[in-house]
Structures are given as C-alpha cells and as structure tokens.
Amino acid sequence: MDFKKIAKIIACIAALCAIAAAAYFAIKKLTAKDEPEYFDDNDFFECDNELEIIEVANEAPAEEPKEEKKPAPKKKAAPKKKAE
C-alpha cells in the first residue's frame, strides 16, 4: 500500500470519530435534566432578619380629591355653503 491510501483511511476514521463525538455531545446536551440552582440570600448581603416595628398613632384617613365635572365641549356647526 502506498502512503496516500493509508492517509485517506486514517482521515476517514478520524472523521467518523469526530461525527460520533459531535452526535454524542449534542444528544447529551439536549436530553440533560435542568436542575434549578438555588441561592442563599445571605451570600449576597448581610441581613439580621429582624424587623423593627413602628406603631403609628391614629391618623385621620386621607381625603380623596373631589373630581370637578367639566361640561362637554359644544360642537360647532359646519359653515353653510352658498348656492350660486
């Protein structure tokens, strides 16, 4: 056998291996389970988780502003055309 024929056989085997690997990784990625990633809030900022309760004295309820009724705009009559 000559060198060119051996090189072609090796190239074909390498190409088949590459195609098989690409198909394997594509199937593996498409069928992978999506697991949710959970974060702990304490990792991002410090928090005492203690809320300060402030009592508010009895306040009068806020008055709602009254709506003023505006009369509907009057429609203007179209100008009449003069007959010639």
N, C-alpha and C. Protein backbone atom coordinates (compact mmCIF):
# COMPACT_ATOMS: atom_id res chain seq x y z
N MET A 1 0.85 -1.18 0.00
CA MET A 1 0.00 0.00 0.00
C MET A 1 0.89 1.24 0.00
N ASP A 2 0.40 2.24 -0.66
CA ASP A 2 1.17 3.47 -0.68
C ASP A 2 0.69 4.42 0.44
N PHE A 3 1.44 5.46 0.64
CA PHE A 3 1.20 6.39 1.74
C PHE A 3 -0.13 7.12 1.60
N LYS A 4 -0.53 7.49 0.37
CA LYS A 4 -1.77 8.23 0.16
C LYS A 4 -2.99 7.41 0.60
N LYS A 5 -2.98 6.13 0.31
CA LYS A 5 -4.12 5.29 0.67
C LYS A 5 -4.22 5.14 2.19
N ILE A 6 -3.10 5.00 2.86
CA ILE A 6 -3.08 4.90 4.32
C ILE A 6 -3.56 6.21 4.94
N ALA A 7 -3.15 7.35 4.40
CA ALA A 7 -3.56 8.65 4.91
C ALA A 7 -5.07 8.85 4.75
N LYS A 8 -5.64 8.39 3.64
CA LYS A 8 -7.09 8.51 3.42
C LYS A 8 -7.87 7.66 4.42
N ILE A 9 -7.38 6.46 4.69
CA ILE A 9 -8.06 5.58 5.65
C ILE A 9 -8.04 6.19 7.05
N ILE A 10 -6.88 6.72 7.45
CA ILE A 10 -6.76 7.36 8.77
C ILE A 10 -7.66 8.59 8.84
N ALA A 11 -7.74 9.37 7.77
CA ALA A 11 -8.59 10.57 7.73
C ALA A 11 -10.07 10.19 7.85
N CYS A 12 -10.46 9.10 7.18
CA CYS A 12 -11.86 8.65 7.26
C CYS A 12 -12.21 8.19 8.67
N ILE A 13 -11.31 7.46 9.30
CA ILE A 13 -11.54 7.01 10.68
C ILE A 13 -11.65 8.21 11.62
N ALA A 14 -10.78 9.21 11.47
CA ALA A 14 -10.82 10.41 12.32
C ALA A 14 -12.11 11.18 12.10
N ALA A 15 -12.57 11.26 10.85
CA ALA A 15 -13.81 11.98 10.56
C ALA A 15 -15.00 11.27 11.18
N LEU A 16 -15.03 9.94 11.11
CA LEU A 16 -16.13 9.18 11.71
C LEU A 16 -16.14 9.34 13.24
N CYS A 17 -14.96 9.36 13.85
CA CYS A 17 -14.87 9.58 15.30
C CYS A 17 -15.36 10.98 15.68
N ALA A 18 -15.02 11.97 14.86
CA ALA A 18 -15.46 13.35 15.13
C ALA A 18 -16.97 13.48 15.01
N ILE A 19 -17.55 12.84 14.00
CA ILE A 19 -19.01 12.88 13.83
C ILE A 19 -19.71 12.18 14.99
N ALA A 20 -19.17 11.05 15.43
CA ALA A 20 -19.75 10.32 16.56
C ALA A 20 -19.67 11.15 17.84
N ALA A 21 -18.54 11.82 18.05
CA ALA A 21 -18.39 12.65 19.25
C ALA A 21 -19.35 13.83 19.22
N ALA A 22 -19.52 14.45 18.07
CA ALA A 22 -20.44 15.59 17.96
C ALA A 22 -21.87 15.14 18.22
N ALA A 23 -22.25 13.99 17.68
CA ALA A 23 -23.60 13.47 17.90
C ALA A 23 -23.80 13.14 19.37
N TYR A 24 -22.81 12.55 20.02
CA TYR A 24 -22.91 12.20 21.45
C TYR A 24 -23.11 13.45 22.30
N PHE A 25 -22.30 14.48 22.08
CA PHE A 25 -22.42 15.70 22.89
C PHE A 25 -23.73 16.44 22.61
N ALA A 26 -24.20 16.42 21.37
CA ALA A 26 -25.48 17.07 21.04
C ALA A 26 -26.63 16.37 21.74
N ILE A 27 -26.65 15.04 21.69
CA ILE A 27 -27.72 14.29 22.36
C ILE A 27 -27.63 14.47 23.87
N LYS A 28 -26.44 14.46 24.40
CA LYS A 28 -26.24 14.62 25.85
C LYS A 28 -26.75 15.99 26.31
N LYS A 29 -26.48 17.03 25.52
CA LYS A 29 -26.90 18.38 25.89
C LYS A 29 -28.41 18.55 25.76
N LEU A 30 -29.02 17.99 24.74
CA LEU A 30 -30.45 18.14 24.53
C LEU A 30 -31.28 17.35 25.54
N THR A 31 -30.75 16.24 26.03
CA THR A 31 -31.51 15.40 26.94
C THR A 31 -31.14 15.62 28.41
N ALA A 32 -30.27 16.56 28.70
CA ALA A 32 -29.85 16.79 30.08
C ALA A 32 -31.00 17.37 30.89
N LYS A 33 -31.08 16.97 32.15
CA LYS A 33 -32.10 17.49 33.05
C LYS A 33 -31.68 18.88 33.52
N ASP A 34 -32.64 19.80 33.51
CA ASP A 34 -32.35 21.15 34.00
C ASP A 34 -32.62 21.18 35.50
N GLU A 35 -31.56 21.25 36.28
CA GLU A 35 -31.71 21.32 37.72
C GLU A 35 -31.66 22.78 38.14
N PRO A 36 -32.64 23.22 38.94
CA PRO A 36 -32.63 24.63 39.37
C PRO A 36 -31.45 24.90 40.30
N GLU A 37 -30.94 26.10 40.18
CA GLU A 37 -29.82 26.50 41.01
C GLU A 37 -30.35 27.40 42.11
N TYR A 38 -30.16 26.98 43.34
CA TYR A 38 -30.68 27.74 44.48
C TYR A 38 -29.60 28.62 45.05
N PHE A 39 -30.00 29.84 45.44
CA PHE A 39 -29.08 30.79 46.03
C PHE A 39 -29.54 31.11 47.44
N ASP A 40 -28.60 31.36 48.30
CA ASP A 40 -28.90 31.78 49.65
C ASP A 40 -28.73 33.29 49.70
N ASP A 41 -29.75 33.98 50.20
CA ASP A 41 -29.68 35.45 50.23
C ASP A 41 -28.52 35.94 51.08
N ASN A 42 -28.13 35.18 52.07
CA ASN A 42 -27.04 35.62 52.94
C ASN A 42 -25.70 35.62 52.22
N ASP A 43 -25.63 34.98 51.07
CA ASP A 43 -24.39 35.01 50.29
C ASP A 43 -24.16 36.38 49.66
N PHE A 44 -25.23 37.13 49.44
CA PHE A 44 -25.13 38.40 48.72
C PHE A 44 -25.04 39.61 49.64
N PHE A 45 -25.73 39.57 50.78
CA PHE A 45 -25.70 40.71 51.69
C PHE A 45 -25.99 40.23 53.10
N GLU A 46 -25.50 41.00 54.05
CA GLU A 46 -25.77 40.64 55.44
C GLU A 46 -27.13 41.16 55.83
N CYS A 47 -27.86 40.34 56.55
CA CYS A 47 -29.19 40.73 56.97
C CYS A 47 -29.45 40.12 58.35
N ASP A 48 -29.93 40.95 59.25
CA ASP A 48 -30.22 40.46 60.60
C ASP A 48 -31.53 39.70 60.64
N ASN A 49 -32.37 39.93 59.65
CA ASN A 49 -33.70 39.34 59.60
C ASN A 49 -34.55 39.75 60.81
N GLU A 50 -34.22 40.87 61.39
CA GLU A 50 -35.01 41.41 62.49
C GLU A 50 -35.67 42.69 62.00
N LEU A 51 -36.98 42.70 61.99
CA LEU A 51 -37.71 43.86 61.52
C LEU A 51 -38.08 44.74 62.70
N GLU A 52 -37.93 46.02 62.51
CA GLU A 52 -38.31 46.96 63.56
C GLU A 52 -39.76 47.37 63.32
N ILE A 53 -40.58 47.19 64.33
CA ILE A 53 -42.00 47.51 64.21
C ILE A 53 -42.22 48.91 64.77
N ILE A 54 -42.79 49.76 63.96
CA ILE A 54 -43.07 51.13 64.37
C ILE A 54 -44.58 51.29 64.43
N GLU A 55 -45.08 51.70 65.60
CA GLU A 55 -46.51 51.91 65.73
C GLU A 55 -46.84 53.34 65.34
N VAL A 56 -47.92 53.49 64.61
CA VAL A 56 -48.33 54.80 64.14
C VAL A 56 -49.57 55.21 64.94
N ALA A 57 -49.58 56.45 65.38
CA ALA A 57 -50.74 56.96 66.12
C ALA A 57 -51.93 57.01 65.18
N ASN A 58 -53.11 57.05 65.76
CA ASN A 58 -54.32 57.08 64.94
C ASN A 58 -54.32 58.32 64.07
N GLU A 59 -54.35 58.12 62.81
CA GLU A 59 -54.35 59.23 61.87
C GLU A 59 -55.69 59.25 61.15
N ALA A 60 -56.10 60.45 60.78
CA ALA A 60 -57.34 60.59 60.01
C ALA A 60 -57.08 60.03 58.61
N PRO A 61 -58.06 59.36 58.07
CA PRO A 61 -57.84 58.82 56.71
C PRO A 61 -57.66 59.96 55.72
N ALA A 62 -56.84 59.74 54.76
CA ALA A 62 -56.57 60.76 53.75
C ALA A 62 -57.84 61.01 52.94
N GLU A 63 -58.12 62.28 52.71
CA GLU A 63 -59.31 62.63 51.94
C GLU A 63 -59.01 62.51 50.46
N GLU A 64 -59.95 61.96 49.77
CA GLU A 64 -59.77 61.82 48.33
C GLU A 64 -60.14 63.13 47.66
N PRO A 65 -59.35 63.57 46.69
CA PRO A 65 -59.69 64.82 46.00
C PRO A 65 -60.98 64.63 45.17
N LYS A 66 -61.83 65.63 45.24
CA LYS A 66 -63.09 65.55 44.51
C LYS A 66 -62.85 65.92 43.05
N GLU A 67 -63.51 65.22 42.19
CA GLU A 67 -63.38 65.49 40.77
C GLU A 67 -64.41 66.54 40.36
N GLU A 68 -63.95 67.53 39.64
CA GLU A 68 -64.86 68.56 39.17
C GLU A 68 -65.40 68.14 37.81
N LYS A 69 -66.70 68.27 37.66
CA LYS A 69 -67.31 67.90 36.39
C LYS A 69 -67.20 69.07 35.43
N LYS A 70 -66.62 68.82 34.30
CA LYS A 70 -66.50 69.85 33.27
C LYS A 70 -67.57 69.58 32.23
N PRO A 71 -68.23 70.63 31.77
CA PRO A 71 -69.25 70.41 30.74
C PRO A 71 -68.60 69.94 29.44
N ALA A 72 -69.29 69.12 28.71
CA ALA A 72 -68.76 68.61 27.45
C ALA A 72 -68.62 69.77 26.47
N PRO A 73 -67.56 69.78 25.67
CA PRO A 73 -67.38 70.87 24.71
C PRO A 73 -68.50 70.84 23.66
N LYS A 74 -68.96 72.05 23.31
CA LYS A 74 -70.03 72.15 22.32
C LYS A 74 -69.47 71.95 20.92
N LYS A 75 -70.26 71.27 20.10
CA LYS A 75 -69.82 71.05 18.73
C LYS A 75 -70.22 72.26 17.89
N LYS A 76 -69.29 72.69 17.08
CA LYS A 76 -69.58 73.84 16.20
C LYS A 76 -70.23 73.34 14.93
N ALA A 77 -71.21 74.09 14.47
CA ALA A 77 -71.88 73.72 13.24
C ALA A 77 -70.97 74.02 12.06
N ALA A 78 -71.02 73.18 11.06
CA ALA A 78 -70.21 73.37 9.87
C ALA A 78 -70.73 74.58 9.10
N PRO A 79 -69.87 75.41 8.51
CA PRO A 79 -70.34 76.57 7.76
C PRO A 79 -71.16 76.12 6.54
N LYS A 80 -72.27 76.87 6.29
CA LYS A 80 -73.14 76.54 5.16
C LYS A 80 -72.56 77.09 3.88
N LYS A 81 -72.73 76.32 2.83
CA LYS A 81 -72.23 76.76 1.52
C LYS A 81 -73.29 77.60 0.84
N LYS A 82 -72.86 78.65 0.16
CA LYS A 82 -73.80 79.48 -0.58
C LYS A 82 -74.07 78.89 -1.95
N ALA A 83 -75.33 78.93 -2.34
CA ALA A 83 -75.69 78.41 -3.67
C ALA A 83 -75.42 79.49 -4.70
N GLU A 84 -74.93 79.16 -5.86
CA GLU A 84 -74.63 80.14 -6.89
C GLU A 84 -75.74 80.29 -7.86
